[in-house]
mmCIF file of all heavy atoms, coordinates in Angstrom:
data_MODEL
# 
_entry.id   MODEL 
# 
loop_
_atom_site.group_PDB 
_atom_site.id 
_atom_site.type_symbol 
_atom_site.label_atom_id 
_atom_site.label_alt_id 
_atom_site.label_comp_id 
_atom_site.label_asym_id 
_atom_site.label_entity_id 
_atom_site.label_seq_id 
_atom_site.pdbx_PDB_ins_code 
_atom_site.Cartn_x 
_atom_site.Cartn_y 
_atom_site.Cartn_z 
_atom_site.occupancy 
_atom_site.B_iso_or_equiv 
_atom_site.pdbx_formal_charge 
_atom_site.auth_seq_id 
_atom_site.auth_comp_id 
_atom_site.auth_asym_id 
_atom_site.auth_atom_id 
_atom_site.pdbx_PDB_model_num 
ATOM 1   N N   . VAL A 1 1  ? 4.033   -7.650  -4.828  1.00 0.00 ? 1  VAL A N   1 
ATOM 2   C CA  . VAL A 1 1  ? 2.597   -8.004  -4.813  1.00 0.00 ? 1  VAL A CA  1 
ATOM 3   C C   . VAL A 1 1  ? 2.290   -9.116  -5.765  1.00 0.00 ? 1  VAL A C   1 
ATOM 4   O O   . VAL A 1 1  ? 2.619   -8.909  -6.869  1.00 0.00 ? 1  VAL A O   1 
ATOM 5   C CB  . VAL A 1 1  ? 1.889   -6.691  -5.172  1.00 0.00 ? 1  VAL A CB  1 
ATOM 6   C CG1 . VAL A 1 1  ? 0.366   -6.823  -5.069  1.00 0.00 ? 1  VAL A CG1 1 
ATOM 7   C CG2 . VAL A 1 1  ? 2.213   -5.506  -4.293  1.00 0.00 ? 1  VAL A CG2 1 
ATOM 8   N N   . LYS A 1 2  ? 1.718   -10.026 -5.226  1.00 0.00 ? 2  LYS A N   1 
ATOM 9   C CA  . LYS A 1 2  ? 1.366   -11.220 -6.158  1.00 0.00 ? 2  LYS A CA  1 
ATOM 10  C C   . LYS A 1 2  ? 0.108   -10.753 -6.964  1.00 0.00 ? 2  LYS A C   1 
ATOM 11  O O   . LYS A 1 2  ? -0.835  -10.156 -6.391  1.00 0.00 ? 2  LYS A O   1 
ATOM 12  C CB  . LYS A 1 2  ? 1.035   -12.412 -5.251  1.00 0.00 ? 2  LYS A CB  1 
ATOM 13  C CG  . LYS A 1 2  ? 2.191   -13.054 -4.531  1.00 0.00 ? 2  LYS A CG  1 
ATOM 14  C CD  . LYS A 1 2  ? 1.677   -14.325 -3.779  1.00 0.00 ? 2  LYS A CD  1 
ATOM 15  C CE  . LYS A 1 2  ? 2.920   -14.996 -3.112  1.00 0.00 ? 2  LYS A CE  1 
ATOM 16  N NZ  . LYS A 1 2  ? 2.538   -16.148 -2.391  1.00 0.00 ? 2  LYS A NZ  1 
ATOM 17  N N   . PRO A 1 3  ? 0.063   -11.085 -8.309  1.00 0.00 ? 3  PRO A N   1 
ATOM 18  C CA  . PRO A 1 3  ? -0.926  -10.632 -9.140  1.00 0.00 ? 3  PRO A CA  1 
ATOM 19  C C   . PRO A 1 3  ? -2.287  -11.489 -8.732  1.00 0.00 ? 3  PRO A C   1 
ATOM 20  O O   . PRO A 1 3  ? -2.045  -12.627 -8.266  1.00 0.00 ? 3  PRO A O   1 
ATOM 21  C CB  . PRO A 1 3  ? -0.517  -10.983 -10.569 1.00 0.00 ? 3  PRO A CB  1 
ATOM 22  C CG  . PRO A 1 3  ? 0.556   -12.063 -10.298 1.00 0.00 ? 3  PRO A CG  1 
ATOM 23  C CD  . PRO A 1 3  ? 1.241   -11.773 -9.003  1.00 0.00 ? 3  PRO A CD  1 
ATOM 24  N N   . LEU A 1 4  ? -3.362  -10.908 -9.115  1.00 0.00 ? 4  LEU A N   1 
ATOM 25  C CA  . LEU A 1 4  ? -4.650  -11.648 -8.927  1.00 0.00 ? 4  LEU A CA  1 
ATOM 26  C C   . LEU A 1 4  ? -4.676  -12.653 -10.039 1.00 0.00 ? 4  LEU A C   1 
ATOM 27  O O   . LEU A 1 4  ? -4.010  -12.683 -10.935 1.00 0.00 ? 4  LEU A O   1 
ATOM 28  C CB  . LEU A 1 4  ? -5.769  -10.672 -9.032  1.00 0.00 ? 4  LEU A CB  1 
ATOM 29  C CG  . LEU A 1 4  ? -5.892  -9.649  -8.045  1.00 0.00 ? 4  LEU A CG  1 
ATOM 30  C CD1 . LEU A 1 4  ? -7.078  -8.665  -8.296  1.00 0.00 ? 4  LEU A CD1 1 
ATOM 31  C CD2 . LEU A 1 4  ? -6.016  -10.158 -6.626  1.00 0.00 ? 4  LEU A CD2 1 
ATOM 32  N N   . ALA A 1 5  ? -5.494  -13.653 -9.877  1.00 0.00 ? 5  ALA A N   1 
ATOM 33  C CA  . ALA A 1 5  ? -5.678  -14.754 -10.772 1.00 0.00 ? 5  ALA A CA  1 
ATOM 34  C C   . ALA A 1 5  ? -6.203  -14.281 -12.031 1.00 0.00 ? 5  ALA A C   1 
ATOM 35  O O   . ALA A 1 5  ? -5.703  -14.761 -13.169 1.00 0.00 ? 5  ALA A O   1 
ATOM 36  C CB  . ALA A 1 5  ? -6.634  -15.862 -10.223 1.00 0.00 ? 5  ALA A CB  1 
ATOM 37  N N   . ASP A 1 6  ? -7.128  -13.298 -11.959 1.00 0.00 ? 6  ASP A N   1 
ATOM 38  C CA  . ASP A 1 6  ? -7.561  -12.728 -13.292 1.00 0.00 ? 6  ASP A CA  1 
ATOM 39  C C   . ASP A 1 6  ? -6.857  -11.422 -13.536 1.00 0.00 ? 6  ASP A C   1 
ATOM 40  O O   . ASP A 1 6  ? -6.429  -10.716 -12.585 1.00 0.00 ? 6  ASP A O   1 
ATOM 41  C CB  . ASP A 1 6  ? -9.158  -12.355 -13.202 1.00 0.00 ? 6  ASP A CB  1 
ATOM 42  C CG  . ASP A 1 6  ? -9.924  -13.726 -12.863 1.00 0.00 ? 6  ASP A CG  1 
ATOM 43  O OD1 . ASP A 1 6  ? -9.601  -14.699 -13.500 1.00 0.00 ? 6  ASP A OD1 1 
ATOM 44  O OD2 . ASP A 1 6  ? -10.911 -13.517 -12.092 1.00 0.00 ? 6  ASP A OD2 1 
ATOM 45  N N   . HIS A 1 7  ? -6.638  -11.204 -14.786 1.00 0.00 ? 7  HIS A N   1 
ATOM 46  C CA  . HIS A 1 7  ? -5.962  -9.975  -15.149 1.00 0.00 ? 7  HIS A CA  1 
ATOM 47  C C   . HIS A 1 7  ? -6.886  -8.705  -14.923 1.00 0.00 ? 7  HIS A C   1 
ATOM 48  O O   . HIS A 1 7  ? -8.061  -8.747  -14.967 1.00 0.00 ? 7  HIS A O   1 
ATOM 49  C CB  . HIS A 1 7  ? -5.612  -9.957  -16.743 1.00 0.00 ? 7  HIS A CB  1 
ATOM 50  C CG  . HIS A 1 7  ? -4.665  -10.999 -17.020 1.00 0.00 ? 7  HIS A CG  1 
ATOM 51  N ND1 . HIS A 1 7  ? -3.256  -10.830 -16.621 1.00 0.00 ? 7  HIS A ND1 1 
ATOM 52  C CD2 . HIS A 1 7  ? -4.695  -12.236 -17.692 1.00 0.00 ? 7  HIS A CD2 1 
ATOM 53  C CE1 . HIS A 1 7  ? -2.560  -11.977 -17.099 1.00 0.00 ? 7  HIS A CE1 1 
ATOM 54  N NE2 . HIS A 1 7  ? -3.469  -12.734 -17.644 1.00 0.00 ? 7  HIS A NE2 1 
ATOM 55  N N   . GLY A 1 8  ? -6.287  -7.574  -14.563 1.00 0.00 ? 8  GLY A N   1 
ATOM 56  C CA  . GLY A 1 8  ? -7.047  -6.440  -14.212 1.00 0.00 ? 8  GLY A CA  1 
ATOM 57  C C   . GLY A 1 8  ? -6.297  -5.377  -13.235 1.00 0.00 ? 8  GLY A C   1 
ATOM 58  O O   . GLY A 1 8  ? -5.104  -5.658  -12.948 1.00 0.00 ? 8  GLY A O   1 
ATOM 59  N N   . ALA A 1 9  ? -6.971  -4.478  -12.795 1.00 0.00 ? 9  ALA A N   1 
ATOM 60  C CA  . ALA A 1 9  ? -6.384  -3.513  -11.809 1.00 0.00 ? 9  ALA A CA  1 
ATOM 61  C C   . ALA A 1 9  ? -6.204  -4.231  -10.401 1.00 0.00 ? 9  ALA A C   1 
ATOM 62  O O   . ALA A 1 9  ? -6.950  -4.920  -9.963  1.00 0.00 ? 9  ALA A O   1 
ATOM 63  C CB  . ALA A 1 9  ? -7.337  -2.273  -11.714 1.00 0.00 ? 9  ALA A CB  1 
ATOM 64  N N   . CYS A 1 10 ? -5.096  -3.836  -9.782  1.00 0.00 ? 10 CYS A N   1 
ATOM 65  C CA  . CYS A 1 10 ? -4.798  -4.308  -8.430  1.00 0.00 ? 10 CYS A CA  1 
ATOM 66  C C   . CYS A 1 10 ? -4.284  -3.150  -7.570  1.00 0.00 ? 10 CYS A C   1 
ATOM 67  O O   . CYS A 1 10 ? -3.304  -2.536  -7.855  1.00 0.00 ? 10 CYS A O   1 
ATOM 68  C CB  . CYS A 1 10 ? -3.733  -5.302  -8.470  1.00 0.00 ? 10 CYS A CB  1 
ATOM 69  S SG  . CYS A 1 10 ? -3.353  -5.971  -6.853  1.00 0.00 ? 10 CYS A SG  1 
ATOM 70  N N   . ASP A 1 11 ? -5.078  -2.759  -6.591  1.00 0.00 ? 11 ASP A N   1 
ATOM 71  C CA  . ASP A 1 11 ? -4.743  -1.604  -5.699  1.00 0.00 ? 11 ASP A CA  1 
ATOM 72  C C   . ASP A 1 11 ? -3.779  -2.039  -4.638  1.00 0.00 ? 11 ASP A C   1 
ATOM 73  O O   . ASP A 1 11 ? -4.096  -3.041  -3.946  1.00 0.00 ? 11 ASP A O   1 
ATOM 74  C CB  . ASP A 1 11 ? -5.953  -0.860  -5.099  1.00 0.00 ? 11 ASP A CB  1 
ATOM 75  C CG  . ASP A 1 11 ? -6.862  -0.225  -6.203  1.00 0.00 ? 11 ASP A CG  1 
ATOM 76  O OD1 . ASP A 1 11 ? -6.288  0.022   -7.259  1.00 0.00 ? 11 ASP A OD1 1 
ATOM 77  O OD2 . ASP A 1 11 ? -8.001  0.023   -5.886  1.00 0.00 ? 11 ASP A OD2 1 
ATOM 78  N N   . LEU A 1 12 ? -2.811  -1.307  -4.360  1.00 0.00 ? 12 LEU A N   1 
ATOM 79  C CA  . LEU A 1 12 ? -1.831  -1.610  -3.265  1.00 0.00 ? 12 LEU A CA  1 
ATOM 80  C C   . LEU A 1 12 ? -2.009  -0.397  -2.287  1.00 0.00 ? 12 LEU A C   1 
ATOM 81  O O   . LEU A 1 12 ? -1.733  0.726   -2.593  1.00 0.00 ? 12 LEU A O   1 
ATOM 82  C CB  . LEU A 1 12 ? -0.362  -1.642  -3.831  1.00 0.00 ? 12 LEU A CB  1 
ATOM 83  C CG  . LEU A 1 12 ? 0.596   -1.780  -2.667  1.00 0.00 ? 12 LEU A CG  1 
ATOM 84  C CD1 . LEU A 1 12 ? 0.512   -3.027  -1.885  1.00 0.00 ? 12 LEU A CD1 1 
ATOM 85  C CD2 . LEU A 1 12 ? 2.075   -1.628  -3.324  1.00 0.00 ? 12 LEU A CD2 1 
ATOM 86  N N   . ASN A 1 13 ? -2.337  -0.775  -0.991  1.00 0.00 ? 13 ASN A N   1 
ATOM 87  C CA  . ASN A 1 13 ? -2.581  0.146   -0.041  1.00 0.00 ? 13 ASN A CA  1 
ATOM 88  C C   . ASN A 1 13 ? -1.435  0.033   1.001   1.00 0.00 ? 13 ASN A C   1 
ATOM 89  O O   . ASN A 1 13 ? -1.319  -1.002  1.603   1.00 0.00 ? 13 ASN A O   1 
ATOM 90  C CB  . ASN A 1 13 ? -3.943  -0.042  0.649   1.00 0.00 ? 13 ASN A CB  1 
ATOM 91  C CG  . ASN A 1 13 ? -5.069  0.208   -0.280  1.00 0.00 ? 13 ASN A CG  1 
ATOM 92  O OD1 . ASN A 1 13 ? -5.188  1.260   -0.897  1.00 0.00 ? 13 ASN A OD1 1 
ATOM 93  N ND2 . ASN A 1 13 ? -5.869  -0.834  -0.417  1.00 0.00 ? 13 ASN A ND2 1 
ATOM 94  N N   . LEU A 1 14 ? -0.792  1.182   1.256   1.00 0.00 ? 14 LEU A N   1 
ATOM 95  C CA  . LEU A 1 14 ? 0.257   1.230   2.260   1.00 0.00 ? 14 LEU A CA  1 
ATOM 96  C C   . LEU A 1 14 ? -0.235  2.063   3.455   1.00 0.00 ? 14 LEU A C   1 
ATOM 97  O O   . LEU A 1 14 ? -0.614  3.249   3.248   1.00 0.00 ? 14 LEU A O   1 
ATOM 98  C CB  . LEU A 1 14 ? 1.543   1.893   1.709   1.00 0.00 ? 14 LEU A CB  1 
ATOM 99  C CG  . LEU A 1 14 ? 2.671   2.161   2.644   1.00 0.00 ? 14 LEU A CG  1 
ATOM 100 C CD1 . LEU A 1 14 ? 3.140   0.899   3.293   1.00 0.00 ? 14 LEU A CD1 1 
ATOM 101 C CD2 . LEU A 1 14 ? 3.777   3.022   2.034   1.00 0.00 ? 14 LEU A CD2 1 
ATOM 102 N N   . LYS A 1 15 ? -0.305  1.435   4.554   1.00 0.00 ? 15 LYS A N   1 
ATOM 103 C CA  . LYS A 1 15 ? -0.777  2.179   5.806   1.00 0.00 ? 15 LYS A CA  1 
ATOM 104 C C   . LYS A 1 15 ? 0.323   2.244   6.727   1.00 0.00 ? 15 LYS A C   1 
ATOM 105 O O   . LYS A 1 15 ? 0.950   1.375   7.214   1.00 0.00 ? 15 LYS A O   1 
ATOM 106 C CB  . LYS A 1 15 ? -1.940  1.405   6.388   1.00 0.00 ? 15 LYS A CB  1 
ATOM 107 C CG  . LYS A 1 15 ? -2.538  2.115   7.675   1.00 0.00 ? 15 LYS A CG  1 
ATOM 108 C CD  . LYS A 1 15 ? -3.714  1.331   8.190   1.00 0.00 ? 15 LYS A CD  1 
ATOM 109 C CE  . LYS A 1 15 ? -4.239  2.051   9.373   1.00 0.00 ? 15 LYS A CE  1 
ATOM 110 N NZ  . LYS A 1 15 ? -5.505  1.243   9.872   1.00 0.00 ? 15 LYS A NZ  1 
ATOM 111 N N   . ILE A 1 16 ? 0.702   3.593   7.017   1.00 0.00 ? 16 ILE A N   1 
ATOM 112 C CA  . ILE A 1 16 ? 1.780   3.891   7.986   1.00 0.00 ? 16 ILE A CA  1 
ATOM 113 C C   . ILE A 1 16 ? 1.138   3.869   9.373   1.00 0.00 ? 16 ILE A C   1 
ATOM 114 O O   . ILE A 1 16 ? 0.385   4.867   9.627   1.00 0.00 ? 16 ILE A O   1 
ATOM 115 C CB  . ILE A 1 16 ? 2.503   5.207   7.672   1.00 0.00 ? 16 ILE A CB  1 
ATOM 116 C CG1 . ILE A 1 16 ? 3.045   5.166   6.267   1.00 0.00 ? 16 ILE A CG1 1 
ATOM 117 C CG2 . ILE A 1 16 ? 3.639   5.554   8.676   1.00 0.00 ? 16 ILE A CG2 1 
ATOM 118 C CD1 . ILE A 1 16 ? 3.564   6.469   5.745   1.00 0.00 ? 16 ILE A CD1 1 
ATOM 119 N N   . THR A 1 17 ? 1.364   2.913   10.272  1.00 0.00 ? 17 THR A N   1 
ATOM 120 C CA  . THR A 1 17 ? 0.829   2.920   11.527  1.00 0.00 ? 17 THR A CA  1 
ATOM 121 C C   . THR A 1 17 ? 1.674   3.586   12.604  1.00 0.00 ? 17 THR A C   1 
ATOM 122 O O   . THR A 1 17 ? 1.166   4.140   13.509  1.00 0.00 ? 17 THR A O   1 
ATOM 123 C CB  . THR A 1 17 ? 0.508   1.509   11.983  1.00 0.00 ? 17 THR A CB  1 
ATOM 124 O OG1 . THR A 1 17 ? 1.689   0.684   11.896  1.00 0.00 ? 17 THR A OG1 1 
ATOM 125 C CG2 . THR A 1 17 ? -0.495  0.858   11.029  1.00 0.00 ? 17 THR A CG2 1 
ATOM 126 N N   . ARG A 1 18 ? 3.010   3.477   12.449  1.00 0.00 ? 18 ARG A N   1 
ATOM 127 C CA  . ARG A 1 18 ? 3.859   4.126   13.408  1.00 0.00 ? 18 ARG A CA  1 
ATOM 128 C C   . ARG A 1 18 ? 5.034   4.708   12.620  1.00 0.00 ? 18 ARG A C   1 
ATOM 129 O O   . ARG A 1 18 ? 5.785   4.038   11.883  1.00 0.00 ? 18 ARG A O   1 
ATOM 130 C CB  . ARG A 1 18 ? 4.411   3.225   14.434  1.00 0.00 ? 18 ARG A CB  1 
ATOM 131 C CG  . ARG A 1 18 ? 3.361   2.634   15.267  1.00 0.00 ? 18 ARG A CG  1 
ATOM 132 C CD  . ARG A 1 18 ? 3.929   1.806   16.484  1.00 0.00 ? 18 ARG A CD  1 
ATOM 133 N NE  . ARG A 1 18 ? 2.857   1.311   17.364  1.00 0.00 ? 18 ARG A NE  1 
ATOM 134 C CZ  . ARG A 1 18 ? 2.343   2.024   18.354  1.00 0.00 ? 18 ARG A CZ  1 
ATOM 135 N NH1 . ARG A 1 18 ? 2.800   3.281   18.544  1.00 0.00 ? 18 ARG A NH1 1 
ATOM 136 N NH2 . ARG A 1 18 ? 1.435   1.652   19.132  1.00 0.00 ? 18 ARG A NH2 1 
ATOM 137 N N   . ALA A 1 19 ? 5.231   6.014   12.763  1.00 0.00 ? 19 ALA A N   1 
ATOM 138 C CA  . ALA A 1 19 ? 6.382   6.666   12.079  1.00 0.00 ? 19 ALA A CA  1 
ATOM 139 C C   . ALA A 1 19 ? 6.656   7.936   12.826  1.00 0.00 ? 19 ALA A C   1 
ATOM 140 O O   . ALA A 1 19 ? 5.845   8.729   13.296  1.00 0.00 ? 19 ALA A O   1 
ATOM 141 C CB  . ALA A 1 19 ? 6.098   6.950   10.636  1.00 0.00 ? 19 ALA A CB  1 
ATOM 142 N N   . ALA A 1 20 ? 7.968   8.232   13.004  1.00 0.00 ? 20 ALA A N   1 
ATOM 143 C CA  . ALA A 1 20 ? 8.322   9.399   13.661  1.00 0.00 ? 20 ALA A CA  1 
ATOM 144 C C   . ALA A 1 20 ? 7.964   10.609  12.838  1.00 0.00 ? 20 ALA A C   1 
ATOM 145 O O   . ALA A 1 20 ? 8.261   10.703  11.678  1.00 0.00 ? 20 ALA A O   1 
ATOM 146 C CB  . ALA A 1 20 ? 9.795   9.497   13.963  1.00 0.00 ? 20 ALA A CB  1 
ATOM 147 N N   . ASN A 1 21 ? 7.248   11.614  13.396  1.00 0.00 ? 21 ASN A N   1 
ATOM 148 C CA  . ASN A 1 21 ? 6.818   12.874  12.723  1.00 0.00 ? 21 ASN A CA  1 
ATOM 149 C C   . ASN A 1 21 ? 6.207   12.536  11.366  1.00 0.00 ? 21 ASN A C   1 
ATOM 150 O O   . ASN A 1 21 ? 6.640   13.022  10.382  1.00 0.00 ? 21 ASN A O   1 
ATOM 151 C CB  . ASN A 1 21 ? 8.052   13.759  12.588  1.00 0.00 ? 21 ASN A CB  1 
ATOM 152 C CG  . ASN A 1 21 ? 7.679   15.189  12.331  1.00 0.00 ? 21 ASN A CG  1 
ATOM 153 O OD1 . ASN A 1 21 ? 6.408   15.419  12.371  1.00 0.00 ? 21 ASN A OD1 1 
ATOM 154 N ND2 . ASN A 1 21 ? 8.534   15.920  11.854  1.00 0.00 ? 21 ASN A ND2 1 
ATOM 155 N N   . SER A 1 22 ? 5.240   11.600  11.383  1.00 0.00 ? 22 SER A N   1 
ATOM 156 C CA  . SER A 1 22 ? 4.719   11.041  10.159  1.00 0.00 ? 22 SER A CA  1 
ATOM 157 C C   . SER A 1 22 ? 4.081   12.180  9.282   1.00 0.00 ? 22 SER A C   1 
ATOM 158 O O   . SER A 1 22 ? 3.911   11.956  8.099   1.00 0.00 ? 22 SER A O   1 
ATOM 159 C CB  . SER A 1 22 ? 3.660   9.969   10.402  1.00 0.00 ? 22 SER A CB  1 
ATOM 160 O OG  . SER A 1 22 ? 2.542   10.517  11.034  1.00 0.00 ? 22 SER A OG  1 
ATOM 161 N N   . GLY A 1 23 ? 3.707   13.356  9.846   1.00 0.00 ? 23 GLY A N   1 
ATOM 162 C CA  . GLY A 1 23 ? 3.031   14.351  9.105   1.00 0.00 ? 23 GLY A CA  1 
ATOM 163 C C   . GLY A 1 23 ? 3.953   14.881  8.222   1.00 0.00 ? 23 GLY A C   1 
ATOM 164 O O   . GLY A 1 23 ? 3.543   15.569  7.226   1.00 0.00 ? 23 GLY A O   1 
ATOM 165 N N   . LEU A 1 24 ? 5.256   14.777  8.418   1.00 0.00 ? 24 LEU A N   1 
ATOM 166 C CA  . LEU A 1 24 ? 6.214   15.429  7.490   1.00 0.00 ? 24 LEU A CA  1 
ATOM 167 C C   . LEU A 1 24 ? 6.803   14.406  6.418   1.00 0.00 ? 24 LEU A C   1 
ATOM 168 O O   . LEU A 1 24 ? 7.618   14.835  5.571   1.00 0.00 ? 24 LEU A O   1 
ATOM 169 C CB  . LEU A 1 24 ? 7.425   15.942  8.215   1.00 0.00 ? 24 LEU A CB  1 
ATOM 170 C CG  . LEU A 1 24 ? 7.029   17.030  9.325   1.00 0.00 ? 24 LEU A CG  1 
ATOM 171 C CD1 . LEU A 1 24 ? 8.284   17.542  9.987   1.00 0.00 ? 24 LEU A CD1 1 
ATOM 172 C CD2 . LEU A 1 24 ? 6.402   18.235  8.534   1.00 0.00 ? 24 LEU A CD2 1 
ATOM 173 N N   . VAL A 1 25 ? 6.203   13.211  6.538   1.00 0.00 ? 25 VAL A N   1 
ATOM 174 C CA  . VAL A 1 25 ? 6.765   12.183  5.501   1.00 0.00 ? 25 VAL A CA  1 
ATOM 175 C C   . VAL A 1 25 ? 6.076   12.325  4.169   1.00 0.00 ? 25 VAL A C   1 
ATOM 176 O O   . VAL A 1 25 ? 4.828   12.328  4.121   1.00 0.00 ? 25 VAL A O   1 
ATOM 177 C CB  . VAL A 1 25 ? 6.612   10.793  6.014   1.00 0.00 ? 25 VAL A CB  1 
ATOM 178 C CG1 . VAL A 1 25 ? 6.944   9.770   5.017   1.00 0.00 ? 25 VAL A CG1 1 
ATOM 179 C CG2 . VAL A 1 25 ? 7.401   10.560  7.247   1.00 0.00 ? 25 VAL A CG2 1 
# 
């Protein structure tokens, strides 16, 4: 993840769009 230009918090969101039996992951 590239940092923002300004220092501070940066949220990383991971979205699983396709996964076998994703409910058990």
